[in-house]
Amino acid sequence: MERTHHIYLVPGFLGFEHIGRLTYFGHVVRFLRERLTALGLEPRIHVVRTPPTASLPDRAARVAEAIDATARRSGAPVHLIGHSSGGLDVRLLTAPGVGLPTVLDVERLTARVRTVVTVSTPHHGTPVASFFTTLQGQQLMQLLSLSTIYVLTFGHLPVAALLWMGSFFVRFGGLVAGSELLDELFAKLLEDFTSRRRRSVRKLLLDVVRDQALMLQLTPEAMEVFNASVLQRPGIRYGAVVGLAAPPSLRATLHAGIDPAAQVTHALYGALYRLIEAAPTRVAPQLAAAQVRVLRRAYGTMPSRVANDGIVPTLSQAWGQIIHAAVADHLDVVGHFRDAEHDPAHVDWLVSGSDFDRQRFEALWADVVHFLIPDATPAGGSASGGTPRPRETRNRTRTRPR
């Protein structure tokens, strides 16, 4: 068995490798490195930089270029893991006969790919993408981007801005938010930047809104075409991690506590969750019998058509073998949940009330490791000793979301 393995982590929509002290895949990288090293392997883990809202072919081309730049002279196997829309990037890259905007020999690069893992990926689209193509959706996208930049620059949002944002998200849940409130929020947040910084921030926000290619491609209608043409490559094993978050509730609101920032992100989560619920009902994806069995075992019942993780419907996330089904929101699964005692601390950027924790995070990614390299055994041990794969870790998610 090969000891060296190249693993590429691909972020989703508006994803990033590193902003300030926040890293998109920071906790995932740490866990994978520690677990694979304990198995006597030599992991080479790469976080891919992709254009935030560019088209899927452009993003897939960046993944190909990352593989070429870091593993061109290595004969070691390659594994691709994509979160959210990043899962579609890696599916497109490995599709037989794909044509991408790059001069690289994609067929040669993908010949070394052993596994493709998609995490909370909208394989059958998401209504959120349709919303973000509207004027109101573009305004919300700019607001979220600006507030994130503000937090990373100054450490926290002003209390007044948090109150305004909370009011906006509550009204947004009813789809009646007004542009006047948004204008006030933008003015409040931008006034604290220097004039030079304001210009650069405005340019970034305009770029995000102008490049809507990805959003259009993530709609349920567009994904029907994608799935009809993007086929699986023989010789590659495809697996998926599925998430289902707790529906918004009074208990979850109270559980968020008195922290204004937590209440604001919880209000945002509730608005997004209900937006998916309110979307026109479409025919549910046709799942394989094995996929249905895993979902029933994990959740105690088959998720409904409107069940989601705050961004992507749960049933839309099934593709290939379901590796793990978790009670978690869209960001929990990549380590963005509350755990102040961990070093470095896990920070919850989308408070959903799903009670995802470190134990469930490690169980999820232990299942991913086992899928990537199923014949790996602990260094100096055997399959029955050392630190084997946790038994039936999917069953740890059986607690039904509230």
Protein backbone atom coordinates (compact mmCIF):
# COMPACT_ATOMS: atom_id res chain seq x y z
CA MET A 1 0.00 0.00 0.00
CA GLU A 2 1.27 3.48 -0.91
CA ARG A 3 2.29 5.60 2.08
CA THR A 4 2.08 9.01 0.39
CA HIS A 5 -1.34 10.34 -0.55
CA HIS A 6 -2.24 13.76 -1.99
CA ILE A 7 -5.52 15.13 -0.64
CA TYR A 8 -7.07 18.27 -2.16
CA LEU A 9 -9.69 20.23 -0.22
CA VAL A 10 -11.92 22.42 -2.39
CA PRO A 11 -14.06 25.16 -0.77
CA GLY A 12 -17.56 26.07 -1.78
CA PHE A 13 -19.35 29.26 -2.76
CA LEU A 14 -17.54 32.35 -1.44
CA GLY A 15 -14.95 29.96 -0.07
CA PHE A 16 -11.44 30.98 0.83
CA GLU A 17 -8.21 29.38 1.93
CA HIS A 18 -7.37 31.89 4.64
CA ILE A 19 -8.81 35.23 5.73
CA GLY A 20 -7.29 36.89 8.77
CA ARG A 21 -7.16 34.27 11.50
CA LEU A 22 -10.04 32.28 10.03
CA THR A 23 -9.23 29.25 7.90
CA TYR A 24 -11.92 27.50 5.89
CA PHE A 25 -10.57 23.95 6.28
CA GLY A 26 -8.28 24.55 9.28
CA HIS A 27 -9.87 21.95 11.60
CA VAL A 28 -10.32 19.44 8.78
CA VAL A 29 -6.65 19.69 7.77
CA ARG A 30 -5.52 19.15 11.34
CA PHE A 31 -7.73 16.10 11.87
CA LEU A 32 -6.82 14.48 8.54
CA ARG A 33 -3.11 14.99 9.10
CA GLU A 34 -3.21 13.54 12.62
CA ARG A 35 -5.42 10.57 11.71
CA LEU A 36 -3.54 9.63 8.53
CA THR A 37 -0.15 9.99 10.22
CA ALA A 38 -1.37 7.71 13.02
CA LEU A 39 -2.16 5.15 10.32
CA GLY A 40 1.49 5.23 9.21
CA LEU A 41 0.79 7.28 6.09
CA GLU A 42 2.41 10.44 4.75
CA PRO A 43 -0.45 12.78 3.79
CA ARG A 44 0.12 15.76 1.54
CA ILE A 45 -2.89 17.99 2.16
CA HIS A 46 -3.59 20.92 -0.14
CA VAL A 47 -6.30 23.58 0.19
CA VAL A 48 -7.25 24.81 -3.29
CA ARG A 49 -7.88 28.47 -4.05
CA THR A 50 -10.86 28.89 -6.33
CA PRO A 51 -12.61 32.04 -7.64
CA PRO A 52 -15.42 32.70 -5.10
CA THR A 53 -18.41 32.88 -7.44
CA ALA A 54 -16.93 31.90 -10.81
CA SER A 55 -18.43 29.21 -13.04
CA LEU A 56 -17.95 25.53 -12.31
CA PRO A 57 -15.60 24.99 -15.31
CA ASP A 58 -13.39 27.87 -14.17
CA ARG A 59 -13.28 26.53 -10.62
CA ALA A 60 -12.61 22.96 -11.78
CA ALA A 61 -9.73 24.25 -13.92
CA ARG A 62 -8.18 25.82 -10.80
CA VAL A 63 -8.34 22.44 -9.06
CA ALA A 64 -6.56 20.83 -12.02
CA GLU A 65 -3.87 23.51 -11.88
CA ALA A 66 -3.39 22.94 -8.15
CA ILE A 67 -2.87 19.21 -8.71
CA ASP A 68 -0.43 19.89 -11.53
CA ALA A 69 1.54 22.38 -9.43
CA THR A 70 1.87 20.22 -6.34
CA ALA A 71 1.82 16.58 -7.47
CA ARG A 72 2.96 16.61 -11.10
CA ARG A 73 6.22 14.77 -10.37
CA SER A 74 4.67 12.42 -7.83
CA GLY A 75 3.17 9.07 -8.63
CA ALA A 76 1.20 9.03 -5.37
CA PRO A 77 -2.57 8.60 -5.47
CA VAL A 78 -4.83 11.65 -5.41
CA HIS A 79 -8.02 12.17 -3.40
CA LEU A 80 -10.44 15.08 -3.96
CA ILE A 81 -12.74 16.43 -1.23
CA GLY A 82 -15.15 19.26 -2.08
CA HIS A 83 -17.39 21.11 0.35
CA SER A 84 -20.67 22.57 -0.91
CA SER A 85 -20.24 23.67 -4.56
CA GLY A 86 -16.62 22.49 -4.31
CA GLY A 87 -18.04 18.99 -4.60
CA LEU A 88 -19.39 19.88 -8.03
CA ASP A 89 -15.96 21.24 -9.00
CA VAL A 90 -14.32 17.88 -8.34
CA ARG A 91 -17.13 15.93 -9.99
CA LEU A 92 -16.75 18.05 -13.13
CA LEU A 93 -12.95 17.72 -13.11
CA THR A 94 -13.15 13.92 -13.05
CA ALA A 95 -15.93 13.53 -15.62
CA PRO A 96 -14.83 11.51 -18.67
CA GLY A 97 -14.01 13.68 -21.67
CA VAL A 98 -14.54 16.97 -19.84
CA GLY A 99 -13.36 20.16 -21.53
CA LEU A 100 -12.08 22.83 -19.13
CA PRO A 101 -10.57 26.31 -19.70
CA THR A 102 -6.99 25.15 -19.14
CA VAL A 103 -4.06 23.97 -21.28
CA LEU A 104 -3.36 21.09 -18.90
CA ASP A 105 -3.90 17.45 -19.83
CA VAL A 106 -6.88 16.86 -17.56
CA GLU A 107 -7.16 13.19 -18.56
CA ARG A 108 -3.60 12.57 -17.35
CA LEU A 109 -4.21 14.32 -14.04
CA THR A 110 -7.49 12.57 -13.26
CA ALA A 111 -6.03 9.14 -14.07
CA ARG A 112 -4.39 9.26 -10.61
CA VAL A 113 -7.55 10.17 -8.71
CA ARG A 114 -8.69 7.33 -6.45
CA THR A 115 -11.61 8.90 -4.60
CA VAL A 116 -13.98 11.86 -4.83
CA VAL A 117 -15.78 12.93 -1.64
CA THR A 118 -18.51 15.56 -1.68
CA VAL A 119 -19.55 17.24 1.58
CA SER A 120 -22.95 18.99 1.82
CA THR A 121 -22.95 19.41 -1.95
CA PRO A 122 -26.06 20.51 -3.91
CA HIS A 123 -25.98 17.66 -6.45
CA HIS A 124 -29.59 18.35 -7.33
CA GLY A 125 -29.42 22.11 -6.78
CA THR A 126 -30.60 24.39 -4.00
CA PRO A 127 -33.35 27.06 -3.92
CA VAL A 128 -30.87 29.37 -2.15
CA ALA A 129 -28.96 29.69 -5.44
CA SER A 130 -32.10 30.83 -7.23
CA PHE A 131 -32.68 33.45 -4.53
CA PHE A 132 -29.12 34.82 -4.73
CA THR A 133 -29.64 35.63 -8.41
CA THR A 134 -32.43 38.09 -7.48
CA LEU A 135 -31.84 41.73 -6.55
CA GLN A 136 -32.66 41.05 -2.90
CA GLY A 137 -30.36 38.02 -2.90
CA GLN A 138 -27.49 40.05 -4.33
CA GLN A 139 -28.01 42.66 -1.62
CA LEU A 140 -27.92 39.98 1.06
CA MET A 141 -24.78 38.48 -0.49
CA GLN A 142 -23.03 41.84 -0.30
CA LEU A 143 -24.16 42.35 3.29
CA LEU A 144 -22.82 38.96 4.38
CA SER A 145 -19.52 39.57 2.61
CA LEU A 146 -19.13 43.05 4.12
CA SER A 147 -19.99 41.89 7.66
CA THR A 148 -17.47 39.05 7.41
CA ILE A 149 -14.73 41.44 6.25
CA TYR A 150 -15.62 43.79 9.11
CA VAL A 151 -15.39 41.05 11.74
CA LEU A 152 -12.06 39.82 10.40
CA THR A 153 -10.71 43.39 10.43
CA PHE A 154 -12.05 44.71 13.75
CA GLY A 155 -12.87 41.53 15.67
CA HIS A 156 -16.63 42.14 16.09
CA LEU A 157 -19.57 44.01 14.64
CA PRO A 158 -20.93 47.16 16.33
CA VAL A 159 -23.94 46.43 18.54
CA ALA A 160 -26.06 48.87 16.53
CA ALA A 161 -25.17 47.05 13.32
CA LEU A 162 -26.01 43.70 14.91
CA LEU A 163 -29.43 44.98 15.95
CA TRP A 164 -30.11 46.30 12.45
CA MET A 165 -28.94 43.05 10.89
CA GLY A 166 -31.15 41.03 13.22
CA SER A 167 -34.13 43.16 12.21
CA PHE A 168 -33.24 42.69 8.54
CA PHE A 169 -32.99 38.90 8.79
CA VAL A 170 -36.29 38.64 10.63
CA ARG A 171 -37.97 40.68 7.90
CA PHE A 172 -36.00 38.83 5.23
CA GLY A 173 -37.56 35.58 6.49
CA GLY A 174 -40.87 37.03 5.39
CA LEU A 175 -39.32 38.32 2.15
CA VAL A 176 -40.25 41.94 2.95
CA ALA A 177 -36.84 43.47 3.68
CA GLY A 178 -36.34 46.98 2.33
CA SER A 179 -33.37 48.56 0.59
CA GLU A 180 -33.42 51.54 3.00
CA LEU A 181 -32.40 49.31 5.91
CA LEU A 182 -29.64 47.76 3.82
CA ASP A 183 -28.33 51.18 2.86
CA GLU A 184 -28.13 52.11 6.54
CA LEU A 185 -26.24 48.91 7.34
CA PHE A 186 -23.71 49.43 4.55
CA ALA A 187 -23.12 53.02 5.58
CA LYS A 188 -22.62 52.04 9.22
CA LEU A 189 -20.15 49.28 8.47
CA LEU A 190 -18.18 51.10 5.78
CA GLU A 191 -17.68 54.33 7.73
CA ASP A 192 -15.15 52.65 10.05
CA PHE A 193 -12.79 51.74 7.19
CA THR A 194 -10.21 54.12 5.75
CA SER A 195 -11.13 55.68 2.43
CA ARG A 196 -8.62 53.45 0.62
CA ARG A 197 -9.98 50.35 2.36
CA ARG A 198 -13.55 51.36 1.53
CA ARG A 199 -12.69 51.49 -2.17
CA SER A 200 -11.14 48.01 -2.11
CA VAL A 201 -14.07 46.57 -0.15
CA ARG A 202 -16.59 48.08 -2.55
CA LYS A 203 -14.69 46.62 -5.51
CA LEU A 204 -14.75 43.17 -3.92
CA LEU A 205 -18.49 43.39 -3.28
CA LEU A 206 -19.13 44.50 -6.86
CA ASP A 207 -17.05 41.60 -8.19
CA VAL A 208 -19.08 39.14 -6.11
CA VAL A 209 -22.36 40.47 -7.49
CA ARG A 210 -21.20 40.83 -11.12
CA ASP A 211 -19.96 37.25 -11.39
CA GLN A 212 -23.19 35.30 -10.97
CA ALA A 213 -22.16 32.32 -13.09
CA LEU A 214 -21.92 29.92 -10.15
CA MET A 215 -25.27 30.90 -8.67
CA LEU A 216 -27.04 30.27 -11.97
CA GLN A 217 -25.40 26.86 -12.24
CA LEU A 218 -26.48 25.75 -8.75
CA THR A 219 -30.22 26.13 -9.33
CA PRO A 220 -32.24 22.88 -9.39
CA GLU A 221 -33.04 23.41 -13.07
CA ALA A 222 -29.38 23.83 -14.06
CA MET A 223 -28.30 20.80 -12.01
CA GLU A 224 -30.65 18.58 -13.99
CA VAL A 225 -28.56 19.35 -17.07
CA PHE A 226 -25.30 19.00 -15.11
CA ASN A 227 -26.18 15.52 -13.85
CA ALA A 228 -27.28 14.36 -17.30
CA SER A 229 -23.90 15.25 -18.81
CA VAL A 230 -21.35 14.95 -15.99
CA LEU A 231 -20.82 11.22 -15.52
CA GLN A 232 -18.71 9.30 -13.03
CA ARG A 233 -15.28 8.16 -14.17
CA PRO A 234 -14.68 4.39 -14.01
CA GLY A 235 -12.05 3.49 -11.44
CA ILE A 236 -12.92 6.35 -9.06
CA ARG A 237 -14.97 5.74 -5.92
CA TYR A 238 -17.51 8.50 -5.23
CA GLY A 239 -18.76 9.16 -1.71
CA ALA A 240 -20.88 11.81 -0.01
CA VAL A 241 -21.31 13.35 3.43
CA VAL A 242 -24.91 14.44 4.07
CA GLY A 243 -26.13 16.99 6.60
CA LEU A 244 -29.53 17.73 8.09
CA ALA A 245 -29.88 20.66 10.49
CA ALA A 246 -32.42 21.31 13.21
CA PRO A 247 -35.45 23.31 12.03
CA PRO A 248 -35.69 26.84 13.48
CA SER A 249 -37.43 26.82 16.86
CA LEU A 250 -37.93 28.87 20.00
CA ARG A 251 -35.69 26.48 21.89
CA ALA A 252 -32.86 27.02 19.41
CA THR A 253 -33.30 30.79 19.66
CA LEU A 254 -33.06 30.64 23.45
CA HIS A 255 -30.10 28.27 23.21
CA ALA A 256 -28.21 30.86 21.15
CA GLY A 257 -28.04 32.93 24.35
CA ILE A 258 -27.66 36.67 24.81
CA ASP A 259 -24.72 37.07 22.44
CA PRO A 260 -26.01 39.52 19.76
CA ALA A 261 -23.79 38.01 17.07
CA ALA A 262 -25.11 34.50 17.79
CA GLN A 263 -28.69 35.74 17.66
CA VAL A 264 -28.07 37.49 14.33
CA THR A 265 -26.52 34.44 12.66
CA HIS A 266 -29.32 32.28 14.07
CA ALA A 267 -31.88 34.66 12.55
CA LEU A 268 -30.03 34.38 9.23
CA TYR A 269 -30.05 30.59 9.50
CA GLY A 270 -33.78 30.58 10.20
CA ALA A 271 -34.47 32.81 7.21
CA LEU A 272 -32.44 30.62 4.85
CA TYR A 273 -34.00 27.42 6.20
CA ARG A 274 -37.51 28.77 5.66
CA LEU A 275 -36.59 30.05 2.20
CA ILE A 276 -35.79 26.46 1.19
CA GLU A 277 -39.00 25.24 2.84
CA ALA A 278 -41.07 27.80 0.93
CA ALA A 279 -39.51 27.03 -2.47
CA PRO A 280 -41.83 25.40 -5.04
CA THR A 281 -41.96 21.66 -4.44
CA ARG A 282 -40.06 19.70 -7.05
CA VAL A 283 -39.78 15.98 -7.70
CA ALA A 284 -37.46 14.53 -5.07
CA PRO A 285 -34.16 13.05 -6.32
CA GLN A 286 -34.36 9.35 -7.09
CA LEU A 287 -32.08 7.77 -4.48
CA ALA A 288 -30.61 4.28 -4.62
CA ALA A 289 -31.84 1.69 -2.12
CA ALA A 290 -28.48 1.72 -0.30
CA GLN A 291 -28.65 5.51 0.07
CA VAL A 292 -32.17 5.32 1.50
CA ARG A 293 -31.08 2.68 4.03
CA VAL A 294 -28.22 4.86 5.28
CA LEU A 295 -30.43 7.92 5.66
CA ARG A 296 -33.16 5.99 7.49
CA ARG A 297 -30.60 4.43 9.83
CA ALA A 298 -28.94 7.78 10.53
CA TYR A 299 -32.05 9.90 11.09
CA GLY A 300 -34.58 7.31 12.23
CA THR A 301 -36.82 8.25 9.30
CA MET A 302 -36.44 9.36 5.70
CA PRO A 303 -35.76 13.13 5.50
CA SER A 304 -38.54 15.12 3.87
CA ARG A 305 -38.12 17.07 0.64
CA VAL A 306 -37.75 20.33 2.57
CA ALA A 307 -35.26 19.07 5.18
CA ASN A 308 -31.98 20.94 4.75
CA ASP A 309 -28.75 22.13 6.39
CA GLY A 310 -29.57 25.84 6.08
CA ILE A 311 -28.11 26.06 2.56
CA VAL A 312 -28.71 22.77 0.71
CA PRO A 313 -31.67 20.35 0.88
CA THR A 314 -30.60 17.10 2.55
CA LEU A 315 -31.79 14.84 -0.27
CA SER A 316 -29.88 16.98 -2.77
CA GLN A 317 -26.61 16.04 -1.05
CA ALA A 318 -26.76 12.29 -1.81
CA TRP A 319 -24.35 11.13 -4.52
CA GLY A 320 -22.55 7.81 -4.82
CA GLN A 321 -21.96 5.99 -1.53
CA ILE A 322 -23.21 7.93 1.49
CA ILE A 323 -20.19 7.85 3.79
CA HIS A 324 -21.77 9.65 6.72
CA ALA A 325 -25.09 11.33 7.52
CA ALA A 326 -24.92 13.96 10.25
CA VAL A 327 -27.28 16.19 12.20
CA ALA A 328 -25.37 19.35 11.34
CA ASP A 329 -25.65 22.63 9.47
CA HIS A 330 -23.77 23.58 6.33
CA LEU A 331 -20.70 24.93 8.16
CA ASP A 332 -20.64 22.52 11.11
CA VAL A 333 -19.34 19.72 8.89
CA VAL A 334 -16.10 21.57 8.09
CA GLY A 335 -15.39 22.54 11.69
CA HIS A 336 -17.25 25.82 12.15
CA PHE A 337 -19.19 24.97 15.30
CA ARG A 338 -18.90 26.24 18.86
CA ASP A 339 -16.08 24.64 20.86
CA ALA A 340 -14.10 27.27 22.76
CA GLU A 341 -12.14 24.64 24.70
CA HIS A 342 -10.49 23.22 21.60
CA ASP A 343 -7.09 24.61 20.64
CA PRO A 344 -7.50 26.33 18.26
CA ALA A 345 -11.11 27.10 19.17
CA HIS A 346 -13.91 26.07 16.84
CA VAL A 347 -15.97 29.17 15.97
CA ASP A 348 -19.64 28.87 15.03
CA TRP A 349 -20.33 31.17 12.05
CA LEU A 350 -23.88 29.91 11.50
CA VAL A 351 -25.74 29.25 14.76
CA SER A 352 -28.39 26.67 13.87
CA GLY A 353 -29.00 24.92 17.18
CA SER A 354 -28.09 21.49 15.78
CA ASP A 355 -25.78 20.75 18.76
CA PHE A 356 -22.97 19.51 16.52
CA ASP A 357 -19.83 18.94 18.59
CA ARG A 358 -16.23 17.76 18.40
CA GLN A 359 -17.14 14.08 18.89
CA ARG A 360 -19.50 14.16 15.92
CA PHE A 361 -16.98 16.13 13.86
CA GLU A 362 -14.29 13.53 14.48
CA ALA A 363 -16.69 10.65 13.79
CA LEU A 364 -17.64 12.22 10.46
CA TRP A 365 -14.08 12.74 9.28
CA ALA A 366 -12.95 9.34 10.58
CA ASP A 367 -15.52 7.83 8.20
CA VAL A 368 -14.10 9.98 5.39
CA VAL A 369 -10.57 8.72 6.15
CA HIS A 370 -11.78 5.13 6.06
CA PHE A 371 -13.45 5.75 2.70
CA LEU A 372 -10.30 7.32 1.24
CA ILE A 373 -7.99 4.50 2.33
CA PRO A 374 -10.08 1.52 3.49
CA ASP A 375 -7.13 -0.87 3.80
CA ALA A 376 -5.05 1.38 6.06
CA THR A 377 -4.14 0.06 9.51
CA PRO A 378 -2.46 1.86 12.42
CA ALA A 379 1.32 2.14 12.26
CA GLY A 380 2.86 -0.93 13.89
CA GLY A 381 -0.54 -2.52 14.40
CA SER A 382 -3.16 -4.58 12.64
CA ALA A 383 -6.70 -4.06 11.55
CA SER A 384 -7.90 -5.12 14.99
CA GLY A 385 -5.53 -3.03 17.08
CA GLY A 386 -4.34 0.53 17.56
CA THR A 387 -6.90 3.12 16.44
CA PRO A 388 -9.26 1.37 14.03
CA ARG A 389 -12.19 3.06 12.36
CA PRO A 390 -14.95 3.92 14.89
CA ARG A 391 -17.64 1.28 14.69
CA GLU A 392 -20.89 2.44 13.07
CA THR A 393 -20.08 6.12 13.54
CA ARG A 394 -23.10 7.04 11.44
CA ASN A 395 -25.30 5.86 14.28
CA ARG A 396 -23.99 8.67 16.46
CA THR A 397 -26.19 11.02 14.44
CA ARG A 398 -29.40 9.18 15.26
CA THR A 399 -30.65 11.91 17.59
CA ARG A 400 -33.43 13.56 15.63
CA PRO A 401 -33.08 17.31 15.08
CA ARG A 402 -35.49 19.37 17.11
